[in-house]
Protein backbone atom coordinates (compact mmCIF):
# COMPACT_ATOMS: atom_id res chain seq x y z
CA MET A 1 -7.41 -8.57 -15.55
CA GLU A 2 -9.16 -6.36 -13.00
CA GLU A 3 -10.13 -2.79 -13.78
CA PRO A 4 -8.02 -0.16 -11.98
CA PRO A 5 -9.79 1.36 -8.93
CA LEU A 6 -11.94 4.41 -9.55
CA SER A 7 -11.36 7.70 -7.82
CA TYR A 8 -13.85 8.54 -5.08
CA GLU A 9 -15.56 11.09 -7.33
CA ASP A 10 -16.00 8.52 -10.12
CA TYR A 11 -17.19 6.03 -7.55
CA MET A 12 -19.88 8.41 -6.28
CA ARG A 13 -20.95 9.24 -9.83
CA ALA A 14 -21.23 5.54 -10.60
CA ARG A 15 -23.45 5.02 -7.57
CA SER A 16 -25.75 7.82 -8.73
CA GLY A 17 -25.94 6.46 -12.28
CA VAL A 18 -23.70 9.10 -13.89
CA PRO A 19 -21.07 7.59 -16.23
CA ALA A 20 -17.61 7.63 -14.72
CA SER A 21 -14.58 9.10 -16.43
CA PRO A 22 -12.51 6.59 -18.38
CA PRO A 23 -9.81 4.87 -16.33
CA PRO A 24 -6.20 5.86 -16.95
CA ALA A 25 -4.17 3.83 -19.42
CA PRO A 26 -2.15 1.07 -17.77
CA ALA A 27 1.49 1.88 -17.04
CA PHE A 28 2.74 -1.40 -18.44
CA PRO A 29 2.91 -2.91 -21.92
CA PRO A 30 0.29 -5.42 -23.12
CA PRO A 31 0.99 -9.08 -22.45
CA MET A 32 2.14 -9.79 -26.03
CA ALA A 33 4.83 -7.10 -25.75
CA MET A 34 6.20 -8.33 -22.44
CA PRO A 35 9.55 -10.14 -22.82
CA VAL A 36 10.09 -13.48 -21.18
CA PRO A 37 12.92 -13.32 -18.57
CA PRO A 38 15.95 -15.53 -19.35
CA GLU A 39 15.27 -17.78 -16.37
CA ASN A 40 11.80 -18.48 -17.78
CA GLN A 41 12.72 -19.20 -21.40
CA GLY A 42 11.76 -22.83 -20.83
CA LEU A 43 8.16 -21.75 -20.31
CA ALA A 44 7.87 -20.63 -23.92
CA ASN A 45 7.18 -24.22 -24.96
CA ASP A 46 4.31 -24.50 -22.51
CA PRO A 47 1.61 -21.92 -23.36
CA PHE A 48 -0.37 -22.61 -20.18
CA LEU A 49 2.56 -21.98 -17.85
CA LEU A 50 3.59 -18.94 -19.85
CA ASP A 51 0.08 -17.48 -19.56
CA VAL A 52 0.19 -18.06 -15.81
CA ARG A 53 3.53 -16.26 -15.55
CA ILE A 54 2.28 -13.33 -17.65
CA GLU A 55 -0.83 -13.05 -15.48
CA GLU A 56 1.29 -13.03 -12.32
CA GLU A 57 3.53 -10.30 -13.71
CA LEU A 58 0.55 -8.19 -14.76
CA LYS A 59 -0.97 -8.47 -11.30
CA ARG A 60 2.30 -7.34 -9.78
CA ARG A 61 2.42 -4.36 -12.09
CA GLU A 62 -1.15 -3.44 -11.23
CA SER A 63 -0.36 -3.54 -7.53
CA GLY A 64 2.52 -1.09 -8.03
CA SER A 65 6.06 -1.55 -9.26
CA SER A 66 9.10 -1.60 -7.04
CA ASP A 67 12.64 -0.45 -7.74
CA SER A 68 13.71 -4.10 -7.53
CA ASP A 69 11.53 -5.06 -10.52
CA PRO A 70 13.33 -5.59 -13.85
CA TRP A 71 10.80 -3.38 -15.71
CA TYR A 72 11.08 -0.50 -13.24
CA GLN A 73 11.56 2.77 -15.12
CA ARG A 74 14.55 4.49 -13.53
CA VAL A 75 15.03 8.25 -13.71
CA PRO A 76 18.54 9.59 -14.42
CA TRP A 77 19.93 11.86 -11.74
CA TRP A 78 19.81 14.94 -13.98
CA GLN A 79 16.03 14.49 -14.38
CA GLN A 80 15.34 14.08 -10.67
CA ASP A 81 13.70 17.06 -8.99
CA ARG A 82 13.80 18.04 -5.33
CA ASP A 83 10.88 15.83 -4.39
CA TYR A 84 12.14 12.75 -6.20
CA SER A 85 13.72 11.06 -3.19
CA GLU A 86 10.55 11.39 -1.13
CA ALA A 87 8.29 10.37 -4.01
CA GLN A 88 10.44 7.32 -4.72
CA ARG A 89 9.81 5.86 -1.26
CA LYS A 90 6.65 4.21 -2.54
CA ASP A 91 8.78 2.36 -5.12
CA ARG A 92 10.80 0.78 -2.34
CA ARG A 93 7.81 -1.17 -1.00
CA THR A 94 9.16 -4.51 -2.05
CA ILE A 95 7.68 -7.99 -1.65
CA PHE A 96 9.91 -10.84 -2.74
CA MET A 97 8.69 -14.06 -4.29
CA HIS A 98 10.68 -16.98 -5.67
CA ASP A 99 11.86 -15.30 -8.88
CA ASP A 100 12.83 -12.16 -6.97
CA TRP A 101 15.14 -14.11 -4.66
CA ILE A 102 16.77 -15.80 -7.66
CA ARG A 103 17.39 -12.43 -9.29
CA HIS A 104 18.52 -10.91 -5.99
CA ARG A 105 21.33 -13.44 -5.51
CA SER A 106 22.18 -13.68 -9.20
CA SER A 107 25.84 -13.33 -10.17
CA GLU A 108 24.76 -10.40 -12.38
CA ARG A 109 23.76 -8.27 -9.41
CA PHE A 110 27.11 -6.41 -9.43
CA ILE A 111 26.63 -5.20 -13.01
CA ARG A 112 23.00 -4.35 -12.26
CA ASN A 113 23.93 -2.33 -9.18
CA MET A 114 26.63 -0.41 -11.05
CA LYS A 115 24.34 0.34 -13.99
CA THR A 116 21.65 1.76 -11.71
CA LEU A 117 24.07 3.91 -9.70
CA PRO A 118 23.38 7.13 -11.68
CA SER A 119 19.61 6.75 -11.15
CA SER A 120 19.82 6.06 -7.42
CA GLY A 121 17.54 8.20 -5.28
CA ILE A 122 20.48 8.69 -2.92
CA ASN A 123 22.04 11.00 -5.52
CA GLN A 124 19.19 13.50 -5.27
CA ALA A 125 18.94 13.19 -1.50
CA LEU A 126 22.65 14.03 -1.14
CA ARG A 127 22.89 16.65 -3.87
CA ASN A 128 23.50 19.57 -1.50
CA GLU A 129 26.05 17.75 0.64
CA LEU A 130 28.02 16.35 -2.29
CA THR A 131 28.02 19.69 -4.12
CA PHE A 132 29.33 21.51 -1.05
CA VAL A 133 32.13 19.01 -0.35
CA THR A 134 33.15 18.87 -4.02
CA LEU A 135 33.29 22.67 -4.26
CA THR A 136 35.37 22.73 -1.09
CA ALA A 137 37.84 20.31 -2.70
CA VAL A 138 37.95 22.47 -5.85
CA PHE A 139 38.54 25.59 -3.73
CA VAL A 140 41.41 23.96 -1.80
CA THR A 141 43.07 22.80 -5.02
CA LEU A 142 42.71 26.15 -6.81
CA PHE A 143 43.79 28.17 -3.76
CA ASN A 144 46.99 26.18 -3.41
CA MET A 145 47.67 26.46 -7.15
CA LEU A 146 47.22 30.24 -7.07
CA PHE A 147 48.87 31.14 -3.78
CA TYR A 148 51.33 28.32 -3.11
CA SER A 149 52.60 26.47 -6.19
CA TYR A 150 51.44 24.70 -9.30
CA GLN A 151 52.86 22.32 -11.89
CA ASP A 152 52.94 23.02 -15.59
CA PHE A 153 52.16 20.40 -18.19
CA GLU A 154 55.74 19.17 -18.05
CA GLY A 155 55.48 18.55 -14.31
CA ILE A 156 57.78 21.44 -13.31
CA ALA A 157 56.73 23.24 -10.11
CA HIS A 158 56.36 27.03 -10.13
CA PRO A 159 55.28 29.52 -7.47
CA GLY A 160 51.59 30.33 -7.69
CA PRO A 161 50.56 33.36 -9.79
CA LEU A 162 49.46 35.18 -6.62
CA ASN A 163 52.43 34.07 -4.51
CA PHE A 164 53.97 37.51 -4.87
CA LEU A 165 51.41 38.82 -2.39
CA ASP A 166 53.14 36.85 0.35
CA ALA A 167 56.19 34.80 -0.48
CA ASP A 168 56.01 33.00 2.88
CA ILE A 169 52.45 31.75 2.42
CA LYS A 170 51.98 28.09 3.21
CA ALA A 171 49.78 25.54 1.51
CA LEU A 172 46.18 25.35 2.66
CA VAL A 173 46.45 21.88 4.15
CA LEU A 174 45.87 19.90 7.35
CA PRO A 175 47.73 16.82 8.61
CA ALA A 176 45.96 13.51 8.12
CA LEU A 177 46.52 12.37 11.73
CA PRO A 178 43.43 14.14 13.26
CA PHE A 179 41.20 12.51 10.65
CA THR A 180 42.75 9.12 11.37
CA ILE A 181 42.04 9.56 15.08
CA ALA A 182 38.45 10.77 14.49
CA SER A 183 37.56 8.04 11.97
CA PRO A 184 36.78 5.27 14.53
CA ALA A 185 34.43 7.54 16.49
CA LEU A 186 32.64 8.60 13.31
CA SER A 187 32.40 5.00 12.16
CA LEU A 188 30.80 3.95 15.45
CA LEU A 189 28.27 6.77 15.26
CA LEU A 190 27.30 5.81 11.70
CA VAL A 191 27.05 2.12 12.60
CA PHE A 192 24.84 2.85 15.60
CA ARG A 193 22.75 5.19 13.46
CA THR A 194 22.07 2.64 10.73
CA ASN A 195 21.65 -0.26 13.18
CA THR A 196 19.07 1.70 15.15
CA GLY A 197 17.23 2.62 11.96
CA TYR A 198 17.24 -1.00 10.79
CA ALA A 199 16.02 -2.16 14.20
CA ARG A 200 13.03 0.14 13.83
CA TRP A 201 12.35 -1.20 10.31
CA ASN A 202 12.65 -4.78 11.47
CA GLU A 203 10.36 -4.17 14.44
CA ALA A 204 7.77 -2.53 12.18
CA ARG A 205 7.87 -5.50 9.81
CA THR A 206 7.59 -7.90 12.74
CA LEU A 207 4.61 -5.98 14.09
CA TRP A 208 2.85 -6.18 10.74
CA GLY A 209 3.58 -9.88 10.64
CA GLY A 210 1.76 -10.14 13.97
CA LEU A 211 -1.08 -7.99 12.62
CA ILE A 212 -1.48 -10.25 9.60
CA ASN A 213 -1.52 -13.39 11.73
CA ASN A 214 -4.00 -12.08 14.26
CA CYS A 215 -6.34 -10.67 11.60
CA ARG A 216 -6.35 -14.10 9.98
CA ASN A 217 -6.98 -15.67 13.38
CA VAL A 218 -10.06 -13.50 13.94
CA VAL A 219 -11.59 -14.74 10.68
CA ARG A 220 -10.50 -18.34 11.29
CA GLN A 221 -11.88 -18.35 14.83
CA SER A 222 -15.20 -16.85 13.75
CA ASN A 223 -15.50 -19.56 11.10
CA THR A 224 -14.80 -22.17 13.76
CA PHE A 225 -16.91 -20.90 16.64
CA PHE A 226 -19.89 -19.19 14.97
CA PRO A 227 -22.88 -21.46 14.23
CA ASN A 228 -23.81 -22.13 10.61
CA ASP A 229 -27.07 -20.19 10.45
CA PRO A 230 -28.00 -17.11 8.40
CA HIS A 231 -27.60 -14.72 11.35
CA HIS A 232 -24.11 -15.88 12.28
CA THR A 233 -23.04 -16.25 8.65
CA ALA A 234 -23.80 -12.56 8.18
CA LEU A 235 -21.86 -11.77 11.36
CA LYS A 236 -18.86 -13.75 10.12
CA LYS A 237 -18.81 -11.79 6.88
CA ARG A 238 -19.18 -8.52 8.72
CA LEU A 239 -16.42 -9.35 11.20
CA ALA A 240 -14.08 -10.29 8.35
CA ALA A 241 -14.90 -7.04 6.56
CA GLU A 242 -14.30 -5.00 9.71
CA THR A 243 -11.01 -6.82 10.23
CA ALA A 244 -9.87 -5.83 6.75
CA ALA A 245 -11.13 -2.29 7.37
CA PHE A 246 -9.07 -2.14 10.57
CA ALA A 247 -5.86 -3.03 8.71
CA LYS A 248 -6.61 -0.41 6.05
CA ALA A 249 -7.42 2.20 8.71
CA LEU A 250 -4.06 1.53 10.36
CA ARG A 251 -2.40 1.87 6.95
CA ASN A 252 -4.26 5.17 6.54
CA PHE A 253 -2.88 6.44 9.86
CA LEU A 254 0.67 5.52 8.85
CA ARG A 255 0.34 6.90 5.30
CA GLY A 256 -1.22 10.21 6.34
CA PRO A 257 -3.99 12.46 4.92
CA THR A 258 -3.04 11.63 1.31
CA ASP A 259 -4.53 8.19 1.90
CA ASP A 260 -7.91 9.47 3.18
CA GLU A 261 -9.77 9.26 -0.12
CA VAL A 262 -8.45 5.74 -0.73
CA LEU A 263 -9.73 4.62 2.65
CA ARG A 264 -13.09 6.30 2.10
CA LEU A 265 -13.47 4.48 -1.22
CA GLU A 266 -12.59 1.15 0.40
CA LEU A 267 -15.12 1.66 3.18
CA TYR A 268 -17.90 2.51 0.74
CA GLU A 269 -17.12 -0.61 -1.24
CA LEU A 270 -17.97 -2.51 1.96
CA VAL A 271 -21.13 -0.43 2.22
CA ASP A 272 -22.19 -1.49 -1.27
CA GLN A 273 -21.56 -5.11 -0.35
CA GLY A 274 -23.87 -4.77 2.66
CA LEU A 275 -21.03 -5.41 5.12
CA MET A 276 -21.05 -1.93 6.66
CA THR A 277 -23.58 0.83 7.07
CA PRO A 278 -22.99 4.29 5.56
CA ALA A 279 -23.19 5.74 9.07
CA GLN A 280 -20.39 3.45 10.24
CA ALA A 281 -18.25 4.36 7.22
CA GLU A 282 -18.67 8.07 7.89
CA ALA A 283 -18.10 7.59 11.61
CA THR A 284 -14.87 5.73 10.83
CA MET A 285 -13.64 8.59 8.67
CA ALA A 286 -14.61 11.12 11.36
CA ALA A 287 -12.93 9.19 14.18
CA LYS A 288 -9.76 10.66 15.70
CA ASN A 289 -8.24 7.19 15.95
CA ARG A 290 -9.61 5.21 13.02
CA PRO A 291 -7.84 1.89 13.75
CA MET A 292 -9.19 1.81 17.30
CA PHE A 293 -12.66 2.71 16.02
CA CYS A 294 -12.55 -0.30 13.69
CA LEU A 295 -11.40 -2.54 16.54
CA ALA A 296 -14.33 -1.30 18.61
CA ALA A 297 -16.63 -2.19 15.70
CA MET A 298 -15.15 -5.69 15.63
CA SER A 299 -15.84 -6.08 19.35
CA ALA A 300 -19.42 -4.87 18.85
CA THR A 301 -19.97 -7.44 16.10
CA LEU A 302 -18.50 -10.18 18.28
CA LYS A 303 -20.87 -9.19 21.07
CA LYS A 304 -23.86 -9.87 18.80
CA ALA A 305 -22.82 -13.51 18.30
CA ASP A 306 -24.57 -16.13 20.40
CA ILE A 307 -21.57 -18.35 21.11
CA ASP A 308 -19.92 -19.98 24.10
CA PRO A 309 -18.27 -17.33 26.36
CA MET A 310 -14.97 -19.22 26.20
CA HIS A 311 -15.01 -19.04 22.41
CA ALA A 312 -15.88 -15.34 22.52
CA ALA A 313 -12.99 -14.79 24.92
CA ARG A 314 -10.58 -16.42 22.47
CA ILE A 315 -11.66 -14.14 19.63
CA ASP A 316 -11.55 -11.14 21.97
CA THR A 317 -7.98 -12.08 22.90
CA SER A 318 -7.02 -11.87 19.23
CA ILE A 319 -8.67 -8.45 19.00
CA SER A 320 -6.82 -7.35 22.14
CA VAL A 321 -3.53 -8.35 20.55
CA LEU A 322 -4.44 -6.16 17.57
CA VAL A 323 -4.90 -3.27 20.01
CA ASP A 324 -1.40 -3.86 21.39
CA LEU A 325 0.12 -4.08 17.93
CA THR A 326 -1.63 -0.87 16.89
CA GLY A 327 -0.12 0.93 19.86
CA ALA A 328 3.32 -0.42 19.00
CA ASN A 329 3.00 0.92 15.44
CA GLU A 330 1.97 4.31 16.81
CA ARG A 331 4.98 4.29 19.15
CA ILE A 332 7.44 3.74 16.31
CA PHE A 333 5.78 6.31 14.07
CA LYS A 334 5.49 9.06 16.69
CA SER A 335 8.90 8.58 18.34
CA PRO A 336 11.95 9.27 16.17
CA ILE A 337 15.49 8.45 17.17
CA PRO A 338 16.44 11.19 19.70
CA LEU A 339 17.16 14.28 17.66
CA VAL A 340 20.26 15.17 19.69
CA TYR A 341 21.84 11.90 18.52
CA THR A 342 20.79 12.38 14.91
CA ARG A 343 22.03 15.96 14.79
CA LEU A 344 25.35 15.18 16.44
CA THR A 345 26.04 12.43 13.90
CA ALA A 346 25.11 14.71 10.99
CA ARG A 347 27.24 17.59 12.26
CA PHE A 348 30.24 15.37 13.00
CA LEU A 349 30.03 13.80 9.54
CA THR A 350 29.59 17.15 7.77
CA VAL A 351 32.56 18.81 9.50
CA PHE A 352 34.70 15.72 8.90
CA LEU A 353 33.95 15.58 5.17
CA VAL A 354 34.10 19.33 4.54
CA MET A 355 37.61 19.47 6.04
CA LEU A 356 38.70 16.18 4.47
CA PRO A 357 40.02 17.82 1.23
CA LEU A 358 42.55 19.71 3.35
CA ALA A 359 44.02 16.39 4.48
CA LEU A 360 43.73 14.70 1.09
CA TRP A 361 45.52 17.48 -0.78
CA GLY A 362 48.92 16.64 0.69
CA GLN A 363 48.38 12.89 0.44
CA LEU A 364 47.52 13.02 -3.27
CA GLY A 365 50.58 14.93 -4.41
CA GLU A 366 51.40 12.33 -7.04
CA SER A 367 48.47 13.56 -9.14
CA TRP A 368 48.86 16.61 -11.36
CA ASN A 369 48.39 19.69 -9.18
CA HIS A 370 46.71 17.44 -6.60
CA TRP A 371 43.49 17.39 -8.69
CA ALA A 372 42.77 13.85 -7.53
CA THR A 373 41.58 15.54 -4.32
CA VAL A 374 38.30 16.44 -6.03
CA PRO A 375 37.06 13.00 -7.21
CA VAL A 376 38.40 11.26 -4.10
CA SER A 377 36.55 13.71 -1.85
CA PHE A 378 33.39 13.19 -3.89
CA VAL A 379 33.51 9.39 -3.72
CA ILE A 380 34.28 9.25 0.01
CA SER A 381 31.53 11.78 0.73
CA PHE A 382 29.04 9.89 -1.43
CA PHE A 383 29.42 6.67 0.52
CA LEU A 384 29.76 8.15 4.02
CA PHE A 385 26.82 10.53 3.52
CA GLY A 386 25.03 7.59 1.89
CA VAL A 387 25.44 5.47 5.02
CA GLU A 388 23.83 8.24 7.07
CA GLU A 389 21.09 8.65 4.45
CA VAL A 390 20.23 4.95 4.70
CA GLY A 391 19.72 5.38 8.44
CA ILE A 392 17.46 8.38 7.83
CA GLN A 393 15.44 6.60 5.12
CA ILE A 394 14.68 3.50 7.22
CA GLU A 395 14.14 5.38 10.48
CA GLU A 396 10.50 5.86 9.44
CA PRO A 397 9.80 2.37 8.06
CA PHE A 398 6.10 2.52 7.28
CA SER A 399 6.36 4.53 4.07
CA ILE A 400 8.69 1.90 2.56
CA LEU A 401 6.91 -1.20 3.87
CA PRO A 402 4.41 -2.68 1.36
CA ILE A 403 1.46 -2.16 3.68
CA GLU A 404 -1.01 -2.01 0.79
CA ALA A 405 -0.05 -5.57 -0.14
CA PHE A 406 -0.34 -6.65 3.50
CA CYS A 407 -3.86 -5.21 3.75
CA GLY A 408 -5.12 -6.38 0.39
CA GLY A 409 -3.41 -9.69 -0.27
CA ALA A 410 -2.31 -10.99 3.12
CA ILE A 411 -5.40 -9.99 5.14
CA ALA A 412 -8.47 -9.15 3.04
CA ALA A 413 -7.94 -11.73 0.29
CA VAL A 414 -7.02 -14.52 2.71
CA GLY A 415 -10.05 -13.72 4.87
CA GLU A 416 -12.35 -13.87 1.86
CA GLU A 417 -10.81 -17.19 0.86
CA MET A 418 -11.43 -18.67 4.30
CA LEU A 419 -15.02 -17.43 4.29
CA ALA A 420 -15.63 -18.88 0.83
CA ALA A 421 -14.20 -22.25 1.84
CA ASP A 422 -16.38 -22.33 4.94
CA ALA A 423 -19.50 -21.32 2.97
CA ASP A 424 -18.86 -24.01 0.34
CA GLY A 425 -18.45 -26.68 3.00
CA ILE A 426 -14.96 -27.58 1.79
CA PHE A 427 -13.97 -28.85 5.22
CA GLU A 428 -17.15 -30.79 5.86
CA PRO A 429 -16.80 -34.62 5.81
CA GLU A 430 -18.25 -36.30 2.76
CA PRO A 431 -21.40 -38.34 3.35
């Protein structure tokens, strides 16, 4: 099991010979305490396969848990603070493997989804909206009980206690017809809102699929076209390292300044491996556009290779595609859905749901004193506001995409594997 990454300060102290601070305790139980999932009970009779499964699960926990993992520690809604919804976005960076798909389509998913409803991050995100609509429903019910009429425990109707102020006062109520007419328009707005948000998420995932493929192509093409001599072997390693650095620099741009120290640490790890100079690492951190700076470094390394111009052009084409994909990521990140559309949908939905208790009060007269208006208003608001919240959450897709896994496992690790295979002569014909 690998040691957890050091902070940049510990890393610098380690380089200077000063002992680093002890790493934090792991956030998962030791292997012996980890239960075996029901679908894997058959592995218990095979110690080797069980050890493999435990190792896989530990690696997944080290790389960060997701809210789709069975061991994910959920926080009840009453313990969620204001920043919980934003902080939880990192837990939505999900990568599915075979066992995840089996669990995802399991017949137990309904029970699982209902059990996790109180700990949903949507609850905290919608706390203000749901509180306001629920209080509106309570106000409508109490107002009509006080000023219009109320039922005693025997179901007998009486004038409200404050009805004497105006005996001709009417119930605070609206007809349901306007809401019926407005519902299709609101539904279309919400559908377009969520569809547009999902389209942005899907495009972002597609773009990162292209990034992964082209980064792998750069390493594969360098292995194919660079001669097998010490000079070009060093260039291949450097080009692969700069390719991984490019992906991490793009992740850094999409994650924001909170990722700066992580990127700096990753660059200096390449420095220690002799794959990058300290000046280049510092220049990368100082660059205004770090991904483009790394792409320029890749082009500079390619220029040093003494290979056929046609082969160099092929590798340069892959680098050029990375430039296009970088620009496409920047376009999605910097350009939200037009705010006039977002605001109109939010205002329409808010007015609709705030006034909805006025229409529900008359329709729910079979309940005692129309108190069913309150829970019905809450439930309808929860799901309609939730639909809008989903659109808002996926509108900016990069903070919920597992970009760290793309950079580390899909790009850097695969590149190192290809380099190792080429260095070991795996693909060379046997004598």
